[in-house]
Amino acid sequence: MTTSLTLACVWVVLAALTAFLPFRAQIIPGLALLIAAAVLLVWIALDHGWAPALLGLLALVSMFRRPLVHLLRRGRGSR
């Protein structure tokens, strides 16, 4: 297994552990995970192509769907 996929697996474990935290304590680790996910997806795309990176992106959007919707709404000025 490549380093990018190994780190992606570690990312998933860290995301699952972050989900166990109280909601207010999830914000900072969640932002760090979101930033790290972008780096990991690019790395996976470089190592394995766009298809595995697209699958990773779909998994990311599935896991972060509520925070991403909140950010989109906040960005448009509506609540």
Protein backbone atom coordinates (compact mmCIF):
# COMPACT_ATOMS: atom_id res chain seq x y z
CA MET A 1 0.00 0.00 0.00
CA THR A 2 1.30 3.43 -0.89
CA THR A 3 2.02 6.10 1.67
CA SER A 4 -0.90 8.22 0.44
CA LEU A 5 -3.40 5.40 1.00
CA THR A 6 -1.87 4.53 4.38
CA LEU A 7 -2.23 8.14 5.51
CA ALA A 8 -5.78 8.20 4.15
CA CYS A 9 -6.58 5.21 6.36
CA VAL A 10 -5.05 7.01 9.35
CA TRP A 11 -7.15 10.05 8.41
CA VAL A 12 -10.32 7.93 8.54
CA VAL A 13 -9.43 6.64 12.02
CA LEU A 14 -8.73 10.19 13.23
CA ALA A 15 -12.03 11.37 11.77
CA ALA A 16 -13.87 8.59 13.58
CA LEU A 17 -12.16 9.50 16.85
CA THR A 18 -13.02 13.17 16.31
CA ALA A 19 -16.67 12.21 15.91
CA PHE A 20 -16.64 10.89 19.49
CA LEU A 21 -15.74 14.32 20.85
CA PRO A 22 -18.43 16.72 22.04
CA PHE A 23 -19.62 18.94 19.21
CA ARG A 24 -17.82 22.10 20.32
CA ALA A 25 -14.57 20.16 20.69
CA GLN A 26 -14.87 18.83 17.12
CA ILE A 27 -14.42 22.18 15.39
CA ILE A 28 -10.64 22.59 15.45
CA PRO A 29 -9.78 18.93 14.73
CA GLY A 30 -12.50 18.90 12.07
CA LEU A 31 -10.99 21.89 10.29
CA ALA A 32 -7.56 20.30 10.45
CA LEU A 33 -8.99 17.09 9.00
CA LEU A 34 -10.75 19.01 6.24
CA ILE A 35 -7.51 20.74 5.23
CA ALA A 36 -5.56 17.48 5.44
CA ALA A 37 -8.19 15.78 3.30
CA ALA A 38 -7.57 18.19 0.44
CA VAL A 39 -3.85 17.45 0.54
CA LEU A 40 -4.47 13.71 0.75
CA LEU A 41 -6.90 13.75 -2.18
CA VAL A 42 -4.39 15.52 -4.39
CA TRP A 43 -1.69 13.09 -3.30
CA ILE A 44 -3.96 10.10 -4.01
CA ALA A 45 -4.78 11.55 -7.43
CA LEU A 46 -1.09 11.91 -8.23
CA ASP A 47 -0.29 8.36 -7.07
CA HIS A 48 -3.34 6.47 -8.33
CA GLY A 49 -5.29 8.66 -10.75
CA TRP A 50 -8.51 10.65 -10.62
CA ALA A 51 -10.93 7.75 -10.03
CA PRO A 52 -9.67 6.82 -6.54
CA ALA A 53 -9.41 10.52 -5.69
CA LEU A 54 -13.02 11.00 -6.80
CA LEU A 55 -14.11 8.13 -4.55
CA GLY A 56 -12.23 9.77 -1.69
CA LEU A 57 -13.90 13.10 -2.46
CA LEU A 58 -17.34 11.45 -2.38
CA ALA A 59 -16.50 9.89 0.98
CA LEU A 60 -15.28 13.26 2.27
CA VAL A 61 -18.45 15.05 1.18
CA SER A 62 -20.53 12.29 2.76
CA MET A 63 -18.72 12.61 6.10
CA PHE A 64 -18.68 16.42 6.16
CA ARG A 65 -22.05 17.08 4.50
CA ARG A 66 -23.55 19.12 7.35
CA PRO A 67 -20.51 21.33 7.99
CA LEU A 68 -20.09 21.89 4.26
CA VAL A 69 -23.76 22.87 3.85
CA HIS A 70 -23.36 25.24 6.80
CA LEU A 71 -20.28 26.83 5.24
CA LEU A 72 -22.03 27.20 1.88
CA ARG A 73 -25.06 28.82 3.49
CA ARG A 74 -22.86 31.10 5.56
CA GLY A 75 -20.89 32.05 2.47
CA ARG A 76 -24.08 33.04 0.65
CA GLY A 77 -25.26 35.10 3.61
CA SER A 78 -28.30 32.98 4.49
CA ARG A 79 -28.77 30.90 7.60
